[in-house]
Amino acid sequence: MTKTKASTEEWLDELQLEKSDMRDGTHLARIGAALDVIEAAERELVAVVAAARAAGDSWAAIGAVLGTSRQAAHRRFASQVDTQR
């Protein structure tokens, strides 16, 4: 869970709403669920980039798959990938 999400949930928990202010929270719950999916996908992306680097794939090849330059791929992932080695 992201720090922002945790602080948002804390804020929501602290709200003092009247019953008349209550609305269906379905859409907000779906936003939270979508955020969880994005965070899981980001973790998976870092893991597979790390695996590609460990297997000897170049930053240029990784960047090409991501639709970006090798420099942009390196800038985005190098610090995270290096911590997993």
C-alpha atoms as a PDB file:
ATOM      1  CA  MET A   1       0.000   0.000   0.000  1.00  0.00           C
ATOM      2  CA  THR A   2       1.350   3.423  -0.878  1.00  0.00           C
ATOM      3  CA  LYS A   3       1.932   6.088   1.728  1.00  0.00           C
ATOM      4  CA  THR A   4      -0.602   8.308  -0.037  1.00  0.00           C
ATOM      5  CA  LYS A   5      -3.207   5.570   0.000  1.00  0.00           C
ATOM      6  CA  ALA A   6      -2.582   4.904   3.713  1.00  0.00           C
ATOM      7  CA  SER A   7      -2.920   8.592   4.588  1.00  0.00           C
ATOM      8  CA  THR A   8      -6.080   8.857   2.474  1.00  0.00           C
ATOM      9  CA  GLU A   9      -7.602   5.874   4.264  1.00  0.00           C
ATOM     10  CA  GLU A  10      -6.710   7.404   7.636  1.00  0.00           C
ATOM     11  CA  TRP A  11      -8.347  10.666   6.569  1.00  0.00           C
ATOM     12  CA  LEU A  12     -11.476   8.827   5.436  1.00  0.00           C
ATOM     13  CA  ASP A  13     -11.623   6.938   8.742  1.00  0.00           C
ATOM     14  CA  GLU A  14     -11.501  10.230  10.675  1.00  0.00           C
ATOM     15  CA  LEU A  15     -14.395  11.873   8.814  1.00  0.00           C
ATOM     16  CA  GLN A  16     -17.429  12.588  10.948  1.00  0.00           C
ATOM     17  CA  LEU A  17     -20.255  12.215   8.451  1.00  0.00           C
ATOM     18  CA  GLU A  18     -23.944  12.462   9.087  1.00  0.00           C
ATOM     19  CA  LYS A  19     -26.047   9.582   7.841  1.00  0.00           C
ATOM     20  CA  SER A  20     -27.570  11.955   5.275  1.00  0.00           C
ATOM     21  CA  ASP A  21     -24.036  12.593   3.884  1.00  0.00           C
ATOM     22  CA  MET A  22     -23.395   8.904   3.215  1.00  0.00           C
ATOM     23  CA  ARG A  23     -23.190   7.740  -0.367  1.00  0.00           C
ATOM     24  CA  ASP A  24     -22.588   4.431  -2.058  1.00  0.00           C
ATOM     25  CA  GLY A  25     -18.835   3.823  -1.824  1.00  0.00           C
ATOM     26  CA  THR A  26     -18.725   1.357  -4.727  1.00  0.00           C
ATOM     27  CA  HIS A  27     -16.820   3.696  -7.030  1.00  0.00           C
ATOM     28  CA  LEU A  28     -14.303   4.641  -4.353  1.00  0.00           C
ATOM     29  CA  ALA A  29     -13.764   0.971  -3.526  1.00  0.00           C
ATOM     30  CA  ARG A  30     -13.146   0.274  -7.218  1.00  0.00           C
ATOM     31  CA  ILE A  31     -10.575   3.099  -7.308  1.00  0.00           C
ATOM     32  CA  GLY A  32      -8.781   1.487  -4.367  1.00  0.00           C
ATOM     33  CA  ALA A  33      -8.896  -1.922  -6.031  1.00  0.00           C
ATOM     34  CA  ALA A  34      -7.539  -0.478  -9.285  1.00  0.00           C
ATOM     35  CA  LEU A  35      -4.719   1.186  -7.352  1.00  0.00           C
ATOM     36  CA  ASP A  36      -3.853  -2.185  -5.783  1.00  0.00           C
ATOM     37  CA  VAL A  37      -3.689  -3.739  -9.279  1.00  0.00           C
ATOM     38  CA  ILE A  38      -1.426  -0.930 -10.549  1.00  0.00           C
ATOM     39  CA  GLU A  39       0.907  -1.314  -7.561  1.00  0.00           C
ATOM     40  CA  ALA A  40       1.096  -5.094  -8.076  1.00  0.00           C
ATOM     41  CA  ALA A  41       1.814  -4.598 -11.782  1.00  0.00           C
ATOM     42  CA  GLU A  42       4.574  -2.096 -10.965  1.00  0.00           C
ATOM     43  CA  ARG A  43       6.178  -4.607  -8.571  1.00  0.00           C
ATOM     44  CA  GLU A  44       5.955  -7.310 -11.268  1.00  0.00           C
ATOM     45  CA  LEU A  45       7.467  -4.983 -13.852  1.00  0.00           C
ATOM     46  CA  VAL A  46      10.437  -4.252 -11.589  1.00  0.00           C
ATOM     47  CA  ALA A  47      10.860  -7.981 -10.935  1.00  0.00           C
ATOM     48  CA  VAL A  48      10.868  -8.901 -14.627  1.00  0.00           C
ATOM     49  CA  VAL A  49      13.223  -6.049 -15.508  1.00  0.00           C
ATOM     50  CA  ALA A  50      15.549  -7.325 -12.764  1.00  0.00           C
ATOM     51  CA  ALA A  51      15.286 -10.854 -14.180  1.00  0.00           C
ATOM     52  CA  ALA A  52      16.021  -9.568 -17.693  1.00  0.00           C
ATOM     53  CA  ARG A  53      19.090  -7.690 -16.473  1.00  0.00           C
ATOM     54  CA  ALA A  54      20.276 -10.737 -14.493  1.00  0.00           C
ATOM     55  CA  ALA A  55      19.899 -12.825 -17.670  1.00  0.00           C
ATOM     56  CA  GLY A  56      22.115 -10.346 -19.538  1.00  0.00           C
ATOM     57  CA  ASP A  57      19.532  -8.309 -21.449  1.00  0.00           C
ATOM     58  CA  SER A  58      20.683  -4.774 -22.235  1.00  0.00           C
ATOM     59  CA  TRP A  59      19.025  -1.555 -21.161  1.00  0.00           C
ATOM     60  CA  ALA A  60      18.543  -0.830 -24.874  1.00  0.00           C
ATOM     61  CA  ALA A  61      16.531  -4.046 -25.344  1.00  0.00           C
ATOM     62  CA  ILE A  62      14.491  -3.405 -22.206  1.00  0.00           C
ATOM     63  CA  GLY A  63      13.861   0.174 -23.292  1.00  0.00           C
ATOM     64  CA  ALA A  64      12.726  -1.018 -26.718  1.00  0.00           C
ATOM     65  CA  VAL A  65      10.142  -3.358 -25.158  1.00  0.00           C
ATOM     66  CA  LEU A  66       8.953  -0.539 -22.892  1.00  0.00           C
ATOM     67  CA  GLY A  67       8.732   1.848 -25.853  1.00  0.00           C
ATOM     68  CA  THR A  68      11.369   4.167 -24.449  1.00  0.00           C
ATOM     69  CA  SER A  69      15.100   4.798 -24.679  1.00  0.00           C
ATOM     70  CA  ARG A  70      17.746   2.770 -22.878  1.00  0.00           C
ATOM     71  CA  GLN A  71      18.539   5.861 -20.808  1.00  0.00           C
ATOM     72  CA  ALA A  72      14.917   6.267 -19.725  1.00  0.00           C
ATOM     73  CA  ALA A  73      14.638   2.566 -18.854  1.00  0.00           C
ATOM     74  CA  HIS A  74      17.864   2.734 -16.859  1.00  0.00           C
ATOM     75  CA  ARG A  75      16.796   5.918 -15.085  1.00  0.00           C
ATOM     76  CA  ARG A  76      13.435   4.375 -14.141  1.00  0.00           C
ATOM     77  CA  PHE A  77      14.589   0.926 -13.012  1.00  0.00           C
ATOM     78  CA  ALA A  78      18.322   0.805 -12.262  1.00  0.00           C
ATOM     79  CA  SER A  79      18.092   1.796  -8.601  1.00  0.00           C
ATOM     80  CA  GLN A  80      15.288  -0.713  -7.951  1.00  0.00           C
ATOM     81  CA  VAL A  81      16.920  -3.492  -9.944  1.00  0.00           C
ATOM     82  CA  ASP A  82      20.291  -3.043  -8.259  1.00  0.00           C
ATOM     83  CA  THR A  83      18.701  -3.454  -4.816  1.00  0.00           C
ATOM     84  CA  GLN A  84      17.267  -6.859  -5.812  1.00  0.00           C
ATOM     85  CA  ARG A  85      20.629  -8.380  -6.731  1.00  0.00           C
END
